[in-house]
């Protein structure tokens, strides 16, 4: 699919990318072309190279366009490469893990090597946006990252607010949408 807009442009409705995003059940209103990825609904990133592999699925708890394999959701690792949000990351991981047994999600923080999901600082977003997350790929694995806006100009966030933001964004890496 060829993009009809350049980096950091609002994508027009007839665009092939917009068609693919709409087919997954997401709104294309305000969708932004950020170069290698599309930013949808303000904080969900779809890698352009992955769009043709994605398919709409239904999950038992709620309809969502993308699903992480149950075998994967039980044991996902998270690495934090942005130290100002380290405490919030630990708290968000604990919050997700505490939902058990109602939810099969189990995150484990790792401090070296590769991880399923990486939390990192980023400068490639709107200065009013706090963070965004990669959507799951078509392979049944979670989105690869949560990116925190290090240029955020909306004020100082408390650890509690940071925890909520990360818990929210980790949900997007699993394919959970806004309600």
Foldseek 3Di string as FASTA:
>chain_A
DDAPDAAFAQGDCVGPVNVLCVQLVFDSVRWTHHHQWIAGPQAETEGPVQSVLFAADQDPVGGFGDAADLVQQQEFEEEEPAVVLVLLVVLLQVVVVVVPPVDNGHYHYDHDDATLEYEEEDQRDDLQRAKHFYAEGSPRGFTHYIYGYPSRDPDDDDSVRSNVVVNVRSCRSRRDDDD
